């Protein structure tokens, strides 16, 4: 029996739409992305939707589908809230729900602003009011529900002077998309059948975004219109050439900042086409 780990966030719902029907013999477990990465590494799962930074840290694991969670501009659900100007940040509270967003936060602060702040954990379920850190990272559904509050915070009503959408910042800075999560398998798992199943589940999800939005919006606490717009306009679900180029760029920067080990990038693309070198523009470092 194939053991598949999936995520319950709104942003991953299109990837698992009708997955149980398409993989009736699989055992599907839903959990946080970071916990799925740990379960995959421990051998409790065979395939999992894992934060992209965890792929860099897991020797021998491989990408097994062209389905992913990515963005090509503002992502809406990954936001960094500032109490001081970005170049003056000395402490940052990192949402414990996703290690990729935590790594992205550190990269953007270091490369764009020249700061390497001390890290503090922001436990699952805690809001920005529970920490006095200079900057606070929120991800996933709760980042979206902070949306209206974020606009007030930008005016200083709640002590925040600026809010970054990290997807937007990365895309503007690198000229590339950003990949938050991918389907990863252990090296000893036969993925011949599951590869096509995961792509098919994604395709069915994309054909039913309106239904997904209608079902999930009240659970998240946002309007159906916002949920559908988020899934349709803010997210991208195909691991294409640009996304693979972005993964290489992200890996290089993680290595530079000691956020992940250097690995043989050739192993990234066992189930993908080679990435053209001209798709990898060099980011402009400021600050």
Protein backbone atom coordinates (compact mmCIF):
# COMPACT_ATOMS: atom_id res chain seq x y z
CA UNK A 1 0.00 0.00 0.00
CA UNK A 2 1.38 3.39 -1.01
CA UNK A 3 1.54 5.80 1.94
CA UNK A 4 0.95 9.37 0.76
CA UNK A 5 1.30 12.49 2.90
CA UNK A 6 -0.79 15.51 1.92
CA UNK A 7 -1.45 18.97 3.31
CA UNK A 8 -4.75 20.45 4.48
CA UNK A 9 -3.94 24.07 3.64
CA UNK A 10 -6.20 25.79 1.12
CA UNK A 11 -3.23 26.26 -1.22
CA UNK A 12 -2.78 22.51 -1.65
CA UNK A 13 -6.44 21.51 -2.04
CA UNK A 14 -6.28 21.47 -5.86
CA UNK A 15 -3.45 18.93 -5.67
CA UNK A 16 -5.49 16.43 -3.64
CA UNK A 17 -8.90 16.94 -5.21
CA UNK A 18 -10.30 13.44 -5.80
CA UNK A 19 -6.91 11.93 -4.92
CA UNK A 20 -8.61 9.28 -2.75
CA UNK A 21 -10.72 8.23 -5.75
CA UNK A 22 -7.72 8.19 -8.08
CA UNK A 23 -5.59 6.23 -5.60
CA UNK A 24 -8.11 4.00 -3.82
CA UNK A 25 -5.44 1.61 -2.57
CA UNK A 26 -3.26 4.31 -1.05
CA UNK A 27 -3.30 5.41 2.57
CA UNK A 28 -3.46 9.22 2.60
CA UNK A 29 -2.34 11.11 5.71
CA UNK A 30 -2.97 14.84 6.15
CA UNK A 31 -0.59 16.90 8.25
CA UNK A 32 1.50 20.08 8.36
CA UNK A 33 4.19 20.34 5.65
CA UNK A 34 7.05 20.27 8.16
CA UNK A 35 5.66 17.16 9.86
CA UNK A 36 5.20 15.43 6.51
CA UNK A 37 8.88 16.04 5.76
CA UNK A 38 9.84 14.43 9.07
CA UNK A 39 7.56 11.44 8.45
CA UNK A 40 8.97 10.93 4.97
CA UNK A 41 12.53 11.03 6.30
CA UNK A 42 11.62 8.57 9.05
CA UNK A 43 10.14 6.10 6.56
CA UNK A 44 6.55 6.47 7.78
CA UNK A 45 5.51 7.82 4.35
CA UNK A 46 6.47 6.84 0.82
CA UNK A 47 5.45 10.03 -0.99
CA UNK A 48 4.64 13.43 0.49
CA UNK A 49 3.91 17.02 -0.44
CA UNK A 50 6.99 18.51 1.18
CA UNK A 51 8.38 22.05 1.59
CA UNK A 52 10.95 22.63 -1.13
CA UNK A 53 13.74 23.40 1.34
CA UNK A 54 13.25 19.95 2.88
CA UNK A 55 14.01 18.38 -0.47
CA UNK A 56 17.45 19.99 -0.35
CA UNK A 57 18.01 18.57 3.13
CA UNK A 58 16.88 15.00 2.39
CA UNK A 59 19.60 12.95 0.70
CA UNK A 60 18.31 10.58 -1.94
CA UNK A 61 14.76 11.87 -2.15
CA UNK A 62 13.41 12.77 -5.58
CA UNK A 63 10.72 14.85 -7.25
CA UNK A 64 8.03 12.51 -8.56
CA UNK A 65 5.42 14.77 -10.15
CA UNK A 66 5.05 17.95 -12.16
CA UNK A 67 2.39 19.04 -9.65
CA UNK A 68 3.53 21.60 -7.08
CA UNK A 69 2.48 24.65 -5.07
CA UNK A 70 4.12 27.72 -6.56
CA UNK A 71 3.52 31.37 -7.36
CA UNK A 72 4.51 33.72 -10.15
CA UNK A 73 3.78 36.91 -8.28
CA UNK A 74 1.98 37.84 -5.04
CA UNK A 75 1.10 34.66 -3.15
CA UNK A 76 -1.16 36.28 -0.51
CA UNK A 77 -0.64 33.50 2.05
CA UNK A 78 3.01 34.11 3.01
CA UNK A 79 3.57 37.50 4.61
CA UNK A 80 6.30 39.12 6.67
CA UNK A 81 5.09 41.87 9.02
CA UNK A 82 7.57 44.54 10.13
CA UNK A 83 7.58 46.58 13.32
CA UNK A 84 10.74 48.36 12.22
CA UNK A 85 12.14 49.16 8.75
CA UNK A 86 13.40 45.96 7.08
CA UNK A 87 17.04 47.04 7.19
CA UNK A 88 16.78 47.45 10.99
CA UNK A 89 15.33 44.02 11.82
CA UNK A 90 17.27 42.29 14.60
CA UNK A 91 14.75 39.57 15.57
CA UNK A 92 12.29 37.63 13.42
CA UNK A 93 9.53 35.27 14.56
CA UNK A 94 9.13 32.42 12.07
CA UNK A 95 5.86 30.55 11.68
CA UNK A 96 6.54 26.90 12.55
CA UNK A 97 4.12 25.64 9.89
CA UNK A 98 6.51 25.82 6.91
CA UNK A 99 10.27 25.64 6.79
CA UNK A 100 10.45 26.84 3.19
CA UNK A 101 8.82 30.16 4.03
CA UNK A 102 11.19 30.51 7.00
CA UNK A 103 14.18 29.98 4.70
CA UNK A 104 12.76 32.41 2.13
CA UNK A 105 12.35 35.02 4.85
CA UNK A 106 15.98 34.72 5.90
CA UNK A 107 17.20 34.86 2.30
CA UNK A 108 15.26 37.98 1.41
CA UNK A 109 16.29 39.79 4.60
CA UNK A 110 19.95 38.87 4.09
CA UNK A 111 20.20 39.46 0.36
CA UNK A 112 17.90 42.46 -0.02
CA UNK A 113 18.45 44.21 3.31
CA UNK A 114 21.82 42.92 4.55
CA UNK A 115 20.48 41.67 7.90
CA UNK A 116 20.72 38.25 9.60
CA UNK A 117 18.30 38.60 12.53
CA UNK A 118 18.06 36.24 15.48
CA UNK A 119 15.26 33.70 14.96
CA UNK A 120 12.35 33.04 17.28
CA UNK A 121 9.69 30.33 16.80
CA UNK A 122 6.08 31.38 16.28
CA UNK A 123 4.07 28.32 17.37
CA UNK A 124 1.16 27.05 15.32
CA UNK A 125 -1.97 28.93 16.25
CA UNK A 126 -0.20 32.00 17.65
CA UNK A 127 -0.68 35.41 16.08
CA UNK A 128 1.72 38.34 15.70
CA UNK A 129 0.47 39.86 18.95
CA UNK A 130 2.11 36.98 20.88
CA UNK A 131 5.66 38.07 20.01
CA UNK A 132 7.60 41.31 20.24
CA UNK A 133 9.98 40.37 17.40
CA UNK A 134 10.90 43.09 14.93
CA UNK A 135 9.41 41.03 12.09
CA UNK A 136 6.80 38.27 12.13
CA UNK A 137 6.26 35.63 9.45
CA UNK A 138 2.73 34.29 8.95
CA UNK A 139 1.89 31.57 6.43
CA UNK A 140 -1.02 29.60 5.08
CA UNK A 141 -4.67 30.14 5.84
CA UNK A 142 -4.03 32.31 8.89
CA UNK A 143 -1.89 34.68 6.82
CA UNK A 144 -4.88 35.17 4.55
CA UNK A 145 -7.24 35.82 7.44
CA UNK A 146 -4.85 38.54 8.59
CA UNK A 147 -5.37 40.25 5.23
CA UNK A 148 -7.64 43.10 6.32
CA UNK A 149 -5.63 43.52 9.51
CA UNK A 150 -2.44 43.75 7.49
CA UNK A 151 -3.80 46.78 5.67
CA UNK A 152 -4.50 48.45 9.00
CA UNK A 153 -1.05 47.49 10.24
CA UNK A 154 0.53 49.15 7.23
CA UNK A 155 -1.04 52.37 8.51
CA UNK A 156 0.53 51.77 11.90
CA UNK A 157 -2.67 50.95 13.82
CA UNK A 158 -1.25 47.70 15.22
CA UNK A 159 2.43 48.51 15.45
CA UNK A 160 3.47 47.27 11.99
CA UNK A 161 5.01 49.70 9.57
CA UNK A 162 5.32 47.45 6.51
CA UNK A 163 4.10 44.08 5.21
CA UNK A 164 5.87 42.03 2.55
CA UNK A 165 4.19 39.42 0.40
CA UNK A 166 7.19 37.09 0.10
CA UNK A 167 6.08 35.55 -3.16
CA UNK A 168 5.89 38.96 -4.74
CA UNK A 169 9.28 40.02 -3.32
CA UNK A 170 11.03 36.89 -4.60
CA UNK A 171 9.50 37.12 -8.08
CA UNK A 172 10.37 40.81 -8.44
CA UNK A 173 13.91 40.25 -7.19
CA UNK A 174 14.84 37.13 -9.18
CA UNK A 175 12.54 37.30 -12.19
CA UNK A 176 11.55 33.71 -11.40
CA UNK A 177 8.55 31.97 -9.81
CA UNK A 178 8.82 30.51 -6.33
CA UNK A 179 8.09 26.87 -5.48
CA UNK A 180 6.79 26.30 -1.96
CA UNK A 181 6.12 22.56 -2.04
CA UNK A 182 6.53 19.51 -4.30
CA UNK A 183 5.66 15.84 -4.31
CA UNK A 184 8.76 14.00 -3.07
CA UNK A 185 9.45 10.28 -2.65
CA UNK A 186 12.13 8.25 -0.93
CA UNK A 187 14.70 6.73 -3.27
CA UNK A 188 13.59 3.15 -2.55
CA UNK A 189 9.95 3.71 -3.51
CA UNK A 190 8.55 2.57 -6.88
CA UNK A 191 6.66 5.64 -8.10
CA UNK A 192 5.76 4.38 -11.56
CA UNK A 193 2.02 4.56 -10.96
CA UNK A 194 1.78 7.38 -8.43
CA UNK A 195 3.48 9.93 -10.71
CA UNK A 196 0.58 9.98 -13.18
CA UNK A 197 -1.99 9.82 -10.37
CA UNK A 198 -0.63 12.96 -8.70
CA UNK A 199 -0.69 14.87 -11.97
CA UNK A 200 -4.22 13.69 -12.69
CA UNK A 201 -5.37 14.79 -9.22
CA UNK A 202 -3.91 18.24 -9.87
CA UNK A 203 -5.62 18.47 -13.25
CA UNK A 204 -9.00 17.57 -11.75
CA UNK A 205 -8.46 20.11 -9.01
CA UNK A 206 -7.77 22.87 -11.52
CA UNK A 207 -10.99 22.00 -13.31
CA UNK A 208 -12.95 22.39 -10.06
CA UNK A 209 -11.48 25.46 -8.38
CA UNK A 210 -14.95 26.96 -7.95
CA UNK A 211 -16.14 23.90 -6.04
CA UNK A 212 -13.00 23.78 -3.91
CA UNK A 213 -13.35 27.48 -3.08
CA UNK A 214 -17.03 27.10 -2.16
CA UNK A 215 -16.27 24.23 0.22
CA UNK A 216 -13.10 25.60 1.79
CA UNK A 217 -13.85 29.33 2.14
CA UNK A 218 -16.08 29.05 5.23
CA UNK A 219 -13.60 26.68 6.86
CA UNK A 220 -10.78 29.19 6.41
CA UNK A 221 -12.92 32.19 7.30
CA UNK A 222 -12.68 34.06 4.00
CA UNK A 223 -15.15 34.79 1.24
CA UNK A 224 -15.73 32.35 -1.59
CA UNK A 225 -14.67 35.06 -4.03
CA UNK A 226 -11.34 35.54 -2.26
CA UNK A 227 -10.74 31.80 -2.01
CA UNK A 228 -11.36 31.26 -5.72
CA UNK A 229 -9.27 34.29 -6.70
CA UNK A 230 -6.43 33.05 -4.49
CA UNK A 231 -6.42 29.59 -6.05
CA UNK A 232 -6.85 30.85 -9.61
CA UNK A 233 -4.74 34.02 -9.64
CA UNK A 234 -2.15 33.80 -6.85
CA UNK A 235 -1.05 30.19 -7.15
CA UNK A 236 0.50 28.07 -9.88
CA UNK A 237 0.45 24.28 -9.75
CA UNK A 238 2.77 23.08 -12.51
CA UNK A 239 6.48 22.43 -12.05
CA UNK A 240 7.64 23.78 -15.40
CA UNK A 241 11.03 24.98 -16.63
CA UNK A 242 10.82 28.32 -14.86
CA UNK A 243 9.83 26.66 -11.59
CA UNK A 244 12.74 24.24 -11.82
CA UNK A 245 15.09 27.14 -12.50
CA UNK A 246 13.68 28.86 -9.42
CA UNK A 247 14.36 25.76 -7.33
CA UNK A 248 18.00 25.84 -8.37
CA UNK A 249 18.26 29.53 -7.50
CA UNK A 250 16.60 28.92 -4.14
CA UNK A 251 18.95 26.00 -3.45
CA UNK A 252 22.02 28.10 -4.25
CA UNK A 253 20.89 30.81 -1.84
CA UNK A 254 20.04 28.30 0.89
CA UNK A 255 23.55 26.87 0.57
CA UNK A 256 25.06 30.35 0.68
CA UNK A 257 23.33 31.12 3.98
CA UNK A 258 23.87 27.62 5.48
CA UNK A 259 20.16 26.88 5.40
CA UNK A 260 20.64 23.64 3.46
CA UNK A 261 23.55 21.45 2.36
CA UNK A 262 24.89 21.53 -1.16
CA UNK A 263 23.53 18.59 -3.13
CA UNK A 264 23.98 17.30 -6.64
CA UNK A 265 21.41 19.34 -8.53
CA UNK A 266 21.31 16.65 -11.20
CA UNK A 267 19.28 14.54 -8.79
CA UNK A 268 16.59 17.24 -8.77
CA UNK A 269 15.38 16.37 -12.21
CA UNK A 270 15.00 12.61 -12.31
CA UNK A 271 11.43 13.12 -13.51
CA UNK A 272 11.89 16.49 -15.21
CA UNK A 273 13.58 18.08 -18.19
CA UNK A 274 16.97 19.74 -17.76
CA UNK A 275 16.87 23.39 -16.78
CA UNK A 276 18.35 25.83 -19.24
CA UNK A 277 21.07 27.96 -17.70
CA UNK A 278 19.64 31.09 -19.32
CA UNK A 279 16.56 30.74 -17.13
CA UNK A 280 18.62 31.58 -14.05
CA UNK A 281 19.06 35.36 -13.85
CA UNK A 282 21.31 36.57 -11.05
CA UNK A 283 19.39 38.44 -8.33
CA UNK A 284 20.36 42.01 -7.62
CA UNK A 285 21.74 42.31 -4.11
CA UNK A 286 20.87 45.52 -2.33
CA UNK A 287 21.28 46.86 1.16
